[in-house]
PDB file of N, CA and C in Angstrom:
ATOM      1  N   UNK A   1     310.927 210.924  69.201  1.00  0.00           N
ATOM      2  CA  UNK A   1     309.551 210.485  69.315  1.00  0.00           C
ATOM      3  C   UNK A   1     309.366 209.187  68.526  1.00  0.00           C
ATOM      4  N   UNK A   2     308.760 208.223  69.155  1.00  0.00           N
ATOM      5  CA  UNK A   2     308.536 206.910  68.552  1.00  0.00           C
ATOM      6  C   UNK A   2     307.157 206.906  67.887  1.00  0.00           C
ATOM      7  N   UNK A   3     307.083 206.428  66.668  1.00  0.00           N
ATOM      8  CA  UNK A   3     305.815 206.405  65.949  1.00  0.00           C
ATOM      9  C   UNK A   3     304.866 205.358  66.543  1.00  0.00           C
ATOM     10  N   UNK A   4     303.592 205.538  66.262  1.00  0.00           N
ATOM     11  CA  UNK A   4     302.579 204.605  66.756  1.00  0.00           C
ATOM     12  C   UNK A   4     302.805 203.209  66.178  1.00  0.00           C
ATOM     13  N   UNK A   5     303.231 203.139  64.935  1.00  0.00           N
ATOM     14  CA  UNK A   5     303.473 201.836  64.308  1.00  0.00           C
ATOM     15  C   UNK A   5     304.639 201.109  64.988  1.00  0.00           C
ATOM     16  N   UNK A   6     305.695 201.847  65.321  1.00  0.00           N
ATOM     17  CA  UNK A   6     306.825 201.225  66.020  1.00  0.00           C
ATOM     18  C   UNK A   6     306.422 200.773  67.422  1.00  0.00           C
ATOM     19  N   UNK A   7     305.609 201.558  68.095  1.00  0.00           N
ATOM     20  CA  UNK A   7     305.139 201.156  69.427  1.00  0.00           C
ATOM     21  C   UNK A   7     304.285 199.905  69.343  1.00  0.00           C
ATOM     22  N   UNK A   8     303.428 199.823  68.328  1.00  0.00           N
ATOM     23  CA  UNK A   8     302.602 198.629  68.152  1.00  0.00           C
ATOM     24  C   UNK A   8     303.459 197.413  67.822  1.00  0.00           C
ATOM     25  N   UNK A   9     304.451 197.602  66.967  1.00  0.00           N
ATOM     26  CA  UNK A   9     305.336 196.481  66.621  1.00  0.00           C
ATOM     27  C   UNK A   9     306.178 196.055  67.821  1.00  0.00           C
ATOM     28  N   UNK A  10     306.607 196.999  68.638  1.00  0.00           N
ATOM     29  CA  UNK A  10     307.341 196.666  69.850  1.00  0.00           C
ATOM     30  C   UNK A  10     306.490 195.854  70.814  1.00  0.00           C
ATOM     31  N   UNK A  11     305.226 196.220  70.924  1.00  0.00           N
ATOM     32  CA  UNK A  11     304.300 195.455  71.763  1.00  0.00           C
ATOM     33  C   UNK A  11     304.092 194.061  71.185  1.00  0.00           C
ATOM     34  N   UNK A  12     303.969 193.988  69.871  1.00  0.00           N
ATOM     35  CA  UNK A  12     303.787 192.698  69.213  1.00  0.00           C
ATOM     36  C   UNK A  12     304.988 191.780  69.438  1.00  0.00           C
ATOM     37  N   UNK A  13     306.182 192.359  69.498  1.00  0.00           N
ATOM     38  CA  UNK A  13     307.382 191.564  69.776  1.00  0.00           C
ATOM     39  C   UNK A  13     307.234 190.848  71.108  1.00  0.00           C
ATOM     40  N   UNK A  14     306.820 191.579  72.139  1.00  0.00           N
ATOM     41  CA  UNK A  14     306.700 190.972  73.472  1.00  0.00           C
ATOM     42  C   UNK A  14     305.581 189.939  73.516  1.00  0.00           C
ATOM     43  N   UNK A  15     304.453 190.230  72.855  1.00  0.00           N
ATOM     44  CA  UNK A  15     303.343 189.273  72.851  1.00  0.00           C
ATOM     45  C   UNK A  15     303.747 188.006  72.092  1.00  0.00           C
ATOM     46  N   UNK A  16     304.389 188.169  70.946  1.00  0.00           N
ATOM     47  CA  UNK A  16     304.858 187.000  70.192  1.00  0.00           C
ATOM     48  C   UNK A  16     305.890 186.205  70.981  1.00  0.00           C
ATOM     49  N   UNK A  17     306.694 186.910  71.767  1.00  0.00           N
ATOM     50  CA  UNK A  17     307.737 186.211  72.521  1.00  0.00           C
ATOM     51  C   UNK A  17     307.144 185.279  73.566  1.00  0.00           C
ATOM     52  N   UNK A  18     305.950 185.563  74.022  1.00  0.00           N
ATOM     53  CA  UNK A  18     305.346 184.670  75.006  1.00  0.00           C
ATOM     54  C   UNK A  18     304.863 183.372  74.363  1.00  0.00           C
ATOM     55  N   UNK A  19     304.371 183.469  73.133  1.00  0.00           N
ATOM     56  CA  UNK A  19     303.850 182.285  72.458  1.00  0.00           C
ATOM     57  C   UNK A  19     304.917 181.543  71.647  1.00  0.00           C
ATOM     58  N   UNK A  20     305.909 182.283  71.155  1.00  0.00           N
ATOM     59  CA  UNK A  20     307.033 181.708  70.411  1.00  0.00           C
ATOM     60  C   UNK A  20     308.322 182.250  71.034  1.00  0.00           C
ATOM     61  N   UNK A  21     308.762 181.665  72.148  1.00  0.00           N
ATOM     62  CA  UNK A  21     309.773 182.286  73.004  1.00  0.00           C
ATOM     63  C   UNK A  21     311.052 182.782  72.331  1.00  0.00           C
ATOM     64  N   UNK A  22     311.694 182.039  71.515  1.00  0.00           N
ATOM     65  CA  UNK A  22     312.930 182.519  70.903  1.00  0.00           C
ATOM     66  C   UNK A  22     312.676 182.925  69.458  1.00  0.00           C
ATOM     67  N   UNK A  23     311.826 182.199  68.776  1.00  0.00           N
ATOM     68  CA  UNK A  23     311.583 182.432  67.363  1.00  0.00           C
ATOM     69  C   UNK A  23     310.910 183.782  67.097  1.00  0.00           C
ATOM     70  N   UNK A  24     309.935 184.162  67.909  1.00  0.00           N
ATOM     71  CA  UNK A  24     309.220 185.424  67.701  1.00  0.00           C
ATOM     72  C   UNK A  24     310.126 186.643  67.718  1.00  0.00           C
ATOM     73  N   UNK A  25     310.896 186.853  68.796  1.00  0.00           N
ATOM     74  CA  UNK A  25     311.789 188.011  68.813  1.00  0.00           C
ATOM     75  C   UNK A  25     312.885 187.939  67.752  1.00  0.00           C
ATOM     76  N   UNK A  26     313.362 186.740  67.459  1.00  0.00           N
ATOM     77  CA  UNK A  26     314.420 186.589  66.468  1.00  0.00           C
ATOM     78  C   UNK A  26     313.929 186.991  65.077  1.00  0.00           C
ATOM     79  N   UNK A  27     312.739 186.567  64.716  1.00  0.00           N
ATOM     80  CA  UNK A  27     312.173 186.926  63.415  1.00  0.00           C
ATOM     81  C   UNK A  27     311.950 188.431  63.336  1.00  0.00           C
ATOM     82  N   UNK A  28     311.401 189.031  64.392  1.00  0.00           N
ATOM     83  CA  UNK A  28     311.147 190.471  64.385  1.00  0.00           C
ATOM     84  C   UNK A  28     312.456 191.261  64.364  1.00  0.00           C
ATOM     85  N   UNK A  29     313.488 190.741  65.003  1.00  0.00           N
ATOM     86  CA  UNK A  29     314.779 191.419  65.024  1.00  0.00           C
ATOM     87  C   UNK A  29     315.359 191.525  63.622  1.00  0.00           C
ATOM     88  N   UNK A  30     315.287 190.440  62.867  1.00  0.00           N
ATOM     89  CA  UNK A  30     315.861 190.442  61.524  1.00  0.00           C
ATOM     90  C   UNK A  30     314.898 190.955  60.457  1.00  0.00           C
ATOM     91  N   UNK A  31     313.607 190.937  60.715  1.00  0.00           N
ATOM     92  CA  UNK A  31     312.634 191.361  59.707  1.00  0.00           C
ATOM     93  C   UNK A  31     312.515 192.883  59.628  1.00  0.00           C
ATOM     94  N   UNK A  32     312.865 193.584  60.690  1.00  0.00           N
ATOM     95  CA  UNK A  32     312.686 195.036  60.715  1.00  0.00           C
ATOM     96  C   UNK A  32     314.009 195.748  61.007  1.00  0.00           C
ATOM     97  N   UNK A  33     314.943 195.731  60.057  1.00  0.00           N
ATOM     98  CA  UNK A  33     316.265 196.305  60.331  1.00  0.00           C
ATOM     99  C   UNK A  33     316.279 197.827  60.426  1.00  0.00           C
ATOM    100  N   UNK A  34     315.332 198.523  59.841  1.00  0.00           N
ATOM    101  CA  UNK A  34     315.335 199.978  59.834  1.00  0.00           C
ATOM    102  C   UNK A  34     314.603 200.617  60.998  1.00  0.00           C
ATOM    103  N   UNK A  35     314.207 199.840  61.969  1.00  0.00           N
ATOM    104  CA  UNK A  35     313.441 200.365  63.102  1.00  0.00           C
ATOM    105  C   UNK A  35     314.186 200.076  64.408  1.00  0.00           C
ATOM    106  N   UNK A  36     314.982 201.016  64.873  1.00  0.00           N
ATOM    107  CA  UNK A  36     315.805 200.750  66.059  1.00  0.00           C
ATOM    108  C   UNK A  36     314.988 200.501  67.329  1.00  0.00           C
ATOM    109  N   UNK A  37     313.850 201.151  67.481  1.00  0.00           N
ATOM    110  CA  UNK A  37     313.030 200.930  68.673  1.00  0.00           C
ATOM    111  C   UNK A  37     312.525 199.494  68.728  1.00  0.00           C
ATOM    112  N   UNK A  38     312.030 198.997  67.609  1.00  0.00           N
ATOM    113  CA  UNK A  38     311.510 197.624  67.540  1.00  0.00           C
ATOM    114  C   UNK A  38     312.652 196.621  67.709  1.00  0.00           C
ATOM    115  N   UNK A  39     313.804 196.910  67.088  1.00  0.00           N
ATOM    116  CA  UNK A  39     314.959 196.005  67.215  1.00  0.00           C
ATOM    117  C   UNK A  39     315.444 195.917  68.664  1.00  0.00           C
ATOM    118  N   UNK A  40     315.460 197.046  69.378  1.00  0.00           N
ATOM    119  CA  UNK A  40     315.881 197.005  70.785  1.00  0.00           C
ATOM    120  C   UNK A  40     314.930 196.176  71.619  1.00  0.00           C
ATOM    121  N   UNK A  41     313.633 196.329  71.389  1.00  0.00           N
ATOM    122  CA  UNK A  41     312.669 195.517  72.145  1.00  0.00           C
ATOM    123  C   UNK A  41     312.759 194.045  71.745  1.00  0.00           C
ATOM    124  N   UNK A  42     312.993 193.766  70.470  1.00  0.00           N
ATOM    125  CA  UNK A  42     313.153 192.370  70.040  1.00  0.00           C
ATOM    126  C   UNK A  42     314.410 191.768  70.661  1.00  0.00           C
ATOM    127  N   UNK A  43     315.478 192.536  70.706  1.00  0.00           N
ATOM    128  CA  UNK A  43     316.713 192.046  71.310  1.00  0.00           C
ATOM    129  C   UNK A  43     316.534 191.814  72.806  1.00  0.00           C
ATOM    130  N   UNK A  44     315.815 192.712  73.472  1.00  0.00           N
ATOM    131  CA  UNK A  44     315.581 192.539  74.914  1.00  0.00           C
ATOM    132  C   UNK A  44     314.685 191.333  75.167  1.00  0.00           C
ATOM    133  N   UNK A  45     313.670 191.134  74.335  1.00  0.00           N
ATOM    134  CA  UNK A  45     312.802 189.959  74.499  1.00  0.00           C
ATOM    135  C   UNK A  45     313.580 188.671  74.246  1.00  0.00           C
ATOM    136  N   UNK A  46     314.448 188.684  73.255  1.00  0.00           N
ATOM    137  CA  UNK A  46     315.274 187.507  72.982  1.00  0.00           C
ATOM    138  C   UNK A  46     316.223 187.226  74.147  1.00  0.00           C
ATOM    139  N   UNK A  47     316.846 188.262  74.679  1.00  0.00           N
ATOM    140  CA  UNK A  47     317.730 188.088  75.838  1.00  0.00           C
ATOM    141  C   UNK A  47     316.942 187.594  77.052  1.00  0.00           C
ATOM    142  N   UNK A  48     315.709 188.075  77.192  1.00  0.00           N
ATOM    143  CA  UNK A  48     314.871 187.619  78.310  1.00  0.00           C
ATOM    144  C   UNK A  48     314.600 186.127  78.194  1.00  0.00           C
ATOM    145  N   UNK A  49     314.262 185.667  76.994  1.00  0.00           N
ATOM    146  CA  UNK A  49     313.947 184.247  76.847  1.00  0.00           C
ATOM    147  C   UNK A  49     315.174 183.360  76.907  1.00  0.00           C
ATOM    148  N   UNK A  50     316.320 183.864  76.506  1.00  0.00           N
ATOM    149  CA  UNK A  50     317.554 183.100  76.708  1.00  0.00           C
ATOM    150  C   UNK A  50     317.804 182.941  78.203  1.00  0.00           C
ATOM    151  N   UNK A  51     317.605 184.024  78.942  1.00  0.00           N
ATOM    152  CA  UNK A  51     317.765 183.970  80.405  1.00  0.00           C
ATOM    153  C   UNK A  51     316.763 183.011  81.031  1.00  0.00           C
ATOM    154  N   UNK A  52     315.522 183.084  80.598  1.00  0.00           N
ATOM    155  CA  UNK A  52     314.497 182.189  81.150  1.00  0.00           C
ATOM    156  C   UNK A  52     314.814 180.726  80.843  1.00  0.00           C
ATOM    157  N   UNK A  53     315.304 180.454  79.636  1.00  0.00           N
ATOM    158  CA  UNK A  53     315.645 179.079  79.284  1.00  0.00           C
ATOM    159  C   UNK A  53     316.806 178.554  80.122  1.00  0.00           C
ATOM    160  N   UNK A  54     317.798 179.401  80.377  1.00  0.00           N
ATOM    161  CA  UNK A  54     318.922 178.978  81.222  1.00  0.00           C
ATOM    162  C   UNK A  54     318.434 178.721  82.644  1.00  0.00           C
ATOM    163  N   UNK A  55     317.657 179.655  83.183  1.00  0.00           N
ATOM    164  CA  UNK A  55     317.116 179.463  84.539  1.00  0.00           C
ATOM    165  C   UNK A  55     316.180 178.261  84.597  1.00  0.00           C
ATOM    166  N   UNK A  56     315.424 178.014  83.523  1.00  0.00           N
ATOM    167  CA  UNK A  56     314.547 176.846  83.477  1.00  0.00           C
ATOM    168  C   UNK A  56     315.328 175.544  83.477  1.00  0.00           C
ATOM    169  N   UNK A  57     316.444 175.516  82.751  1.00  0.00           N
ATOM    170  CA  UNK A  57     317.279 174.316  82.744  1.00  0.00           C
ATOM    171  C   UNK A  57     317.892 174.065  84.112  1.00  0.00           C
ATOM    172  N   UNK A  58     318.329 175.135  84.754  1.00  0.00           N
ATOM    173  CA  UNK A  58     318.886 175.000  86.112  1.00  0.00           C
ATOM    174  C   UNK A  58     317.806 174.522  87.077  1.00  0.00           C
ATOM    175  N   UNK A  59     316.612 175.089  86.967  1.00  0.00           N
ATOM    176  CA  UNK A  59     315.512 174.661  87.841  1.00  0.00           C
ATOM    177  C   UNK A  59     315.121 173.216  87.576  1.00  0.00           C
ATOM    178  N   UNK A  60     315.151 172.809  86.305  1.00  0.00           N
ATOM    179  CA  UNK A  60     314.827 171.418  85.979  1.00  0.00           C
ATOM    180  C   UNK A  60     315.843 170.465  86.591  1.00  0.00           C
ATOM    181  N   UNK A  61     317.111 170.851  86.556  1.00  0.00           N
ATOM    182  CA  UNK A  61     318.126 170.019  87.208  1.00  0.00           C
ATOM    183  C   UNK A  61     317.932 169.981  88.723  1.00  0.00           C
ATOM    184  N   UNK A  62     317.494 171.098  89.267  1.00  0.00           N
ATOM    185  CA  UNK A  62     317.288 171.150  90.715  1.00  0.00           C
ATOM    186  C   UNK A  62     316.041 170.402  91.172  1.00  0.00           C
ATOM    187  N   UNK A  63     315.218 169.943  90.231  1.00  0.00           N
ATOM    188  CA  UNK A  63     314.079 169.115  90.638  1.00  0.00           C
ATOM    189  C   UNK A  63     314.548 167.777  91.187  1.00  0.00           C
ATOM    190  N   UNK A  64     315.779 167.400  90.835  1.00  0.00           N
ATOM    191  CA  UNK A  64     316.330 166.150  91.366  1.00  0.00           C
ATOM    192  C   UNK A  64     316.510 166.226  92.881  1.00  0.00           C
ATOM    193  N   UNK A  65     316.721 167.427  93.390  1.00  0.00           N
ATOM    194  CA  UNK A  65     316.847 167.593  94.844  1.00  0.00           C
ATOM    195  C   UNK A  65     315.634 168.329  95.422  1.00  0.00           C
ATOM    196  N   UNK A  66     314.552 168.364  94.642  1.00  0.00           N
ATOM    197  CA  UNK A  66     313.238 168.875  95.037  1.00  0.00           C
ATOM    198  C   UNK A  66     313.158 170.391  95.194  1.00  0.00           C
ATOM    199  N   UNK A  67     314.229 171.119  94.984  1.00  0.00           N
ATOM    200  CA  UNK A  67     314.165 172.581  95.061  1.00  0.00           C
ATOM    201  C   UNK A  67     313.561 173.155  93.782  1.00  0.00           C
ATOM    202  N   UNK A  68     313.819 172.505  92.663  1.00  0.00           N
ATOM    203  CA  UNK A  68     313.334 172.982  91.383  1.00  0.00           C
ATOM    204  C   UNK A  68     311.826 173.040  91.287  1.00  0.00           C
ATOM    205  N   UNK A  69     311.142 172.190  92.042  1.00  0.00           N
ATOM    206  CA  UNK A  69     309.675 172.225  92.026  1.00  0.00           C
ATOM    207  C   UNK A  69     309.155 173.545  92.574  1.00  0.00           C
ATOM    208  N   UNK A  70     309.909 174.191  93.423  1.00  0.00           N
ATOM    209  CA  UNK A  70     309.530 175.509  93.931  1.00  0.00           C
ATOM    210  C   UNK A  70     309.947 176.618  92.969  1.00  0.00           C
ATOM    211  N   UNK A  71     311.048 176.422  92.274  1.00  0.00           N
ATOM    212  CA  UNK A  71     311.578 177.463  91.398  1.00  0.00           C
ATOM    213  C   UNK A  71     310.858 177.551  90.049  1.00  0.00           C
ATOM    214  N   UNK A  72     310.380 176.442  89.526  1.00  0.00           N
ATOM    215  CA  UNK A  72     309.721 176.459  88.215  1.00  0.00           C
ATOM    216  C   UNK A  72     308.462 177.330  88.185  1.00  0.00           C
ATOM    217  N   UNK A  73     307.564 177.256  89.176  1.00  0.00           N
ATOM    218  CA  UNK A  73     306.415 178.166  89.147  1.00  0.00           C
ATOM    219  C   UNK A  73     306.814 179.632  89.295  1.00  0.00           C
ATOM    220  N   UNK A  74     307.835 179.894  90.100  1.00  0.00           N
ATOM    221  CA  UNK A  74     308.317 181.268  90.252  1.00  0.00           C
ATOM    222  C   UNK A  74     308.863 181.774  88.919  1.00  0.00           C
ATOM    223  N   UNK A  75     309.576 180.935  88.209  1.00  0.00           N
ATOM    224  CA  UNK A  75     310.104 181.300  86.901  1.00  0.00           C
ATOM    225  C   UNK A  75     308.970 181.578  85.907  1.00  0.00           C
ATOM    226  N   UNK A  76     307.911 180.795  85.957  1.00  0.00           N
ATOM    227  CA  UNK A  76     306.766 181.023  85.075  1.00  0.00           C
ATOM    228  C   UNK A  76     306.085 182.350  85.340  1.00  0.00           C
ATOM    229  N   UNK A  77     305.893 182.689  86.603  1.00  0.00           N
ATOM    230  CA  UNK A  77     305.272 183.968  86.958  1.00  0.00           C
ATOM    231  C   UNK A  77     306.192 185.124  86.572  1.00  0.00           C
ATOM    232  N   UNK A  78     307.499 184.949  86.820  1.00  0.00           N
ATOM    233  CA  UNK A  78     308.457 186.005  86.478  1.00  0.00           C
ATOM    234  C   UNK A  78     308.482 186.245  84.975  1.00  0.00           C
ATOM    235  N   UNK A  79     308.476 185.188  84.172  1.00  0.00           N
ATOM    236  CA  UNK A  79     308.498 185.368  82.716  1.00  0.00           C
ATOM    237  C   UNK A  79     307.232 186.070  82.229  1.00  0.00           C
ATOM    238  N   UNK A  80     306.097 185.711  82.794  1.00  0.00           N
ATOM    239  CA  UNK A  80     304.852 186.384  82.414  1.00  0.00           C
ATOM    240  C   UNK A  80     304.891 187.858  82.801  1.00  0.00           C
ATOM    241  N   UNK A  81     305.409 188.167  83.981  1.00  0.00           N
ATOM    242  CA  UNK A  81     305.492 189.558  84.427  1.00  0.00           C
ATOM    243  C   UNK A  81     306.429 190.376  83.532  1.00  0.00           C
ATOM    244  N   UNK A  82     307.566 189.810  83.165  1.00  0.00           N
ATOM    245  CA  UNK A  82     308.511 190.521  82.300  1.00  0.00           C
ATOM    246  C   UNK A  82     307.888 190.788  80.936  1.00  0.00           C
ATOM    247  N   UNK A  83     307.175 189.827  80.398  1.00  0.00           N
ATOM    248  CA  UNK A  83     306.542 190.001  79.087  1.00  0.00           C
ATOM    249  C   UNK A  83     305.452 191.066  79.150  1.00  0.00           C
ATOM    250  N   UNK A  84     304.639 191.045  80.187  1.00  0.00           N
ATOM    251  CA  UNK A  84     303.565 192.039  80.306  1.00  0.00           C
ATOM    252  C   UNK A  84     304.144 193.440  80.480  1.00  0.00           C
ATOM    253  N   UNK A  85     305.127 193.586  81.355  1.00  0.00           N
ATOM    254  CA  UNK A  85     305.730 194.901  81.569  1.00  0.00           C
ATOM    255  C   UNK A  85     306.438 195.380  80.300  1.00  0.00           C
ATOM    256  N   UNK A  86     307.120 194.474  79.611  1.00  0.00           N
ATOM    257  CA  UNK A  86     307.777 194.841  78.356  1.00  0.00           C
ATOM    258  C   UNK A  86     306.783 195.307  77.300  1.00  0.00           C
ATOM    259  N   UNK A  87     305.652 194.625  77.199  1.00  0.00           N
ATOM    260  CA  UNK A  87     304.628 195.017  76.227  1.00  0.00           C
ATOM    261  C   UNK A  87     304.035 196.379  76.572  1.00  0.00           C
ATOM    262  N   UNK A  88     303.788 196.620  77.838  1.00  0.00           N
ATOM    263  CA  UNK A  88     303.221 197.910  78.261  1.00  0.00           C
ATOM    264  C   UNK A  88     304.225 199.034  78.018  1.00  0.00           C
ATOM    265  N   UNK A  89     305.486 198.787  78.355  1.00  0.00           N
ATOM    266  CA  UNK A  89     306.515 199.811  78.129  1.00  0.00           C
ATOM    267  C   UNK A  89     306.706 200.080  76.639  1.00  0.00           C
ATOM    268  N   UNK A  90     306.670 199.041  75.817  1.00  0.00           N
ATOM    269  CA  UNK A  90     306.819 199.238  74.369  1.00  0.00           C
ATOM    270  C   UNK A  90     305.652 200.047  73.826  1.00  0.00           C
ATOM    271  N   UNK A  91     304.449 199.766  74.295  1.00  0.00           N
ATOM    272  CA  UNK A  91     303.291 200.510  73.813  1.00  0.00           C
ATOM    273  C   UNK A  91     303.320 201.959  74.281  1.00  0.00           C
ATOM    274  N   UNK A  92     303.976 202.199  75.412  1.00  0.00           N
ATOM    275  CA  UNK A  92     304.119 203.567  75.919  1.00  0.00           C
ATOM    276  C   UNK A  92     305.256 204.310  75.232  1.00  0.00           C
ATOM    277  N   UNK A  93     306.045 203.611  74.434  1.00  0.00           N
ATOM    278  CA  UNK A  93     307.159 204.240  73.743  1.00  0.00           C
ATOM    279  C   UNK A  93     308.401 204.358  74.598  1.00  0.00           C
ATOM    280  N   UNK A  94     308.499 203.558  75.657  1.00  0.00           N
ATOM    281  CA  UNK A  94     309.628 203.608  76.583  1.00  0.00           C
ATOM    282  C   UNK A  94     310.534 202.405  76.372  1.00  0.00           C
ATOM    283  N   UNK A  95     311.779 202.550  76.815  1.00  0.00           N
ATOM    284  CA  UNK A  95     312.707 201.432  76.835  1.00  0.00           C
ATOM    285  C   UNK A  95     312.419 200.585  78.069  1.00  0.00           C
ATOM    286  N   UNK A  96     312.792 199.315  78.014  1.00  0.00           N
ATOM    287  CA  UNK A  96     312.593 198.428  79.155  1.00  0.00           C
ATOM    288  C   UNK A  96     313.849 197.618  79.362  1.00  0.00           C
ATOM    289  N   UNK A  97     314.464 197.771  80.526  1.00  0.00           N
ATOM    290  CA  UNK A  97     315.699 197.067  80.860  1.00  0.00           C
ATOM    291  C   UNK A  97     315.530 196.329  82.177  1.00  0.00           C
ATOM    292  N   UNK A  98     315.002 195.108  82.160  1.00  0.00           N
ATOM    293  CA  UNK A  98     314.874 194.351  83.410  1.00  0.00           C
ATOM    294  C   UNK A  98     316.237 194.100  84.039  1.00  0.00           C
ATOM    295  N   UNK A  99     316.282 194.116  85.347  1.00  0.00           N
ATOM    296  CA  UNK A  99     317.542 194.094  86.084  1.00  0.00           C
ATOM    297  C   UNK A  99     318.399 192.860  85.786  1.00  0.00           C
ATOM    298  N   UNK A 100     317.872 191.690  85.862  1.00  0.00           N
ATOM    299  CA  UNK A 100     318.664 190.477  85.677  1.00  0.00           C
ATOM    300  C   UNK A 100     318.931 190.214  84.202  1.00  0.00           C
ATOM    301  N   UNK A 101     318.050 190.660  83.334  1.00  0.00           N
ATOM    302  CA  UNK A 101     318.134 190.351  81.913  1.00  0.00           C
ATOM    303  C   UNK A 101     319.038 191.330  81.168  1.00  0.00           C
ATOM    304  N   UNK A 102     319.158 192.546  81.650  1.00  0.00           N
ATOM    305  CA  UNK A 102     319.929 193.566  80.937  1.00  0.00           C
ATOM    306  C   UNK A 102     321.388 193.171  80.712  1.00  0.00           C
ATOM    307  N   UNK A 103     322.088 192.566  81.675  1.00  0.00           N
ATOM    308  CA  UNK A 103     323.475 192.131  81.383  1.00  0.00           C
ATOM    309  C   UNK A 103     323.557 191.081  80.270  1.00  0.00           C
ATOM    310  N   UNK A 104     322.577 190.208  80.173  1.00  0.00           N
ATOM    311  CA  UNK A 104     322.553 189.224  79.084  1.00  0.00           C
ATOM    312  C   UNK A 104     322.348 189.938  77.748  1.00  0.00           C
ATOM    313  N   UNK A 105     321.472 190.926  77.748  1.00  0.00           N
ATOM    314  CA  UNK A 105     321.222 191.734  76.553  1.00  0.00           C
ATOM    315  C   UNK A 105     322.505 192.427  76.101  1.00  0.00           C
ATOM    316  N   UNK A 106     323.230 193.024  77.038  1.00  0.00           N
ATOM    317  CA  UNK A 106     324.475 193.715  76.709  1.00  0.00           C
ATOM    318  C   UNK A 106     325.519 192.734  76.151  1.00  0.00           C
ATOM    319  N   UNK A 107     325.561 191.536  76.704  1.00  0.00           N
ATOM    320  CA  UNK A 107     326.534 190.554  76.246  1.00  0.00           C
ATOM    321  C   UNK A 107     326.190 190.048  74.838  1.00  0.00           C
ATOM    322  N   UNK A 108     324.915 189.778  74.580  1.00  0.00           N
ATOM    323  CA  UNK A 108     324.512 189.226  73.288  1.00  0.00           C
ATOM    324  C   UNK A 108     324.509 190.251  72.165  1.00  0.00           C
ATOM    325  N   UNK A 109     324.161 191.502  72.471  1.00  0.00           N
ATOM    326  CA  UNK A 109     323.919 192.481  71.423  1.00  0.00           C
ATOM    327  C   UNK A 109     324.776 193.728  71.549  1.00  0.00           C
ATOM    328  N   UNK A 110     325.940 193.633  72.091  1.00  0.00           N
ATOM    329  CA  UNK A 110     326.765 194.825  72.310  1.00  0.00           C
ATOM    330  C   UNK A 110     327.204 195.482  71.005  1.00  0.00           C
ATOM    331  N   UNK A 111     327.341 194.748  69.934  1.00  0.00           N
ATOM    332  CA  UNK A 111     327.833 195.332  68.693  1.00  0.00           C
ATOM    333  C   UNK A 111     326.738 195.590  67.665  1.00  0.00           C
ATOM    334  N   UNK A 112     325.554 195.015  67.851  1.00  0.00           N
ATOM    335  CA  UNK A 112     324.531 195.118  66.804  1.00  0.00           C
ATOM    336  C   UNK A 112     323.507 196.202  67.057  1.00  0.00           C
ATOM    337  N   UNK A 113     323.356 196.645  68.263  1.00  0.00           N
ATOM    338  CA  UNK A 113     322.311 197.645  68.541  1.00  0.00           C
ATOM    339  C   UNK A 113     322.962 198.992  68.796  1.00  0.00           C
TER     340      UNK A 113
END
C-alpha cells in the first residue's frame, strides 16, 4: 500500500516534469532516496523527457524537409498526455509504464531501481 504522501509526491514529480523537464524529475529522484514509489515515478518521468528530447531533436532536423512541422505539434500533445496520465496514475497509487518510454526507462535505470 502506497501512502498518501508518496502518492502526492509522485504526482508532484510529473507536474514538475512538465515545467522543468529534466531537472524536476532528477532532483526528486535524488532528493527522496527512501521512497521507492516516488523514485520509480521520477525515473519514469526522467526517461519520458529524455525520449521527448530525442524525438524533438529528430523532429527539429526533419523541419528541413518540412515533415518536422507536422511532428512537433504531435510531440507536444503526446508529452502533455503522458504527463497528465502519469500524474493521475501516481495519485491513484499505480505504476505507469508508457509503451515507447518504458524501454528507455529500463536502459537508463536497470541497476538503480
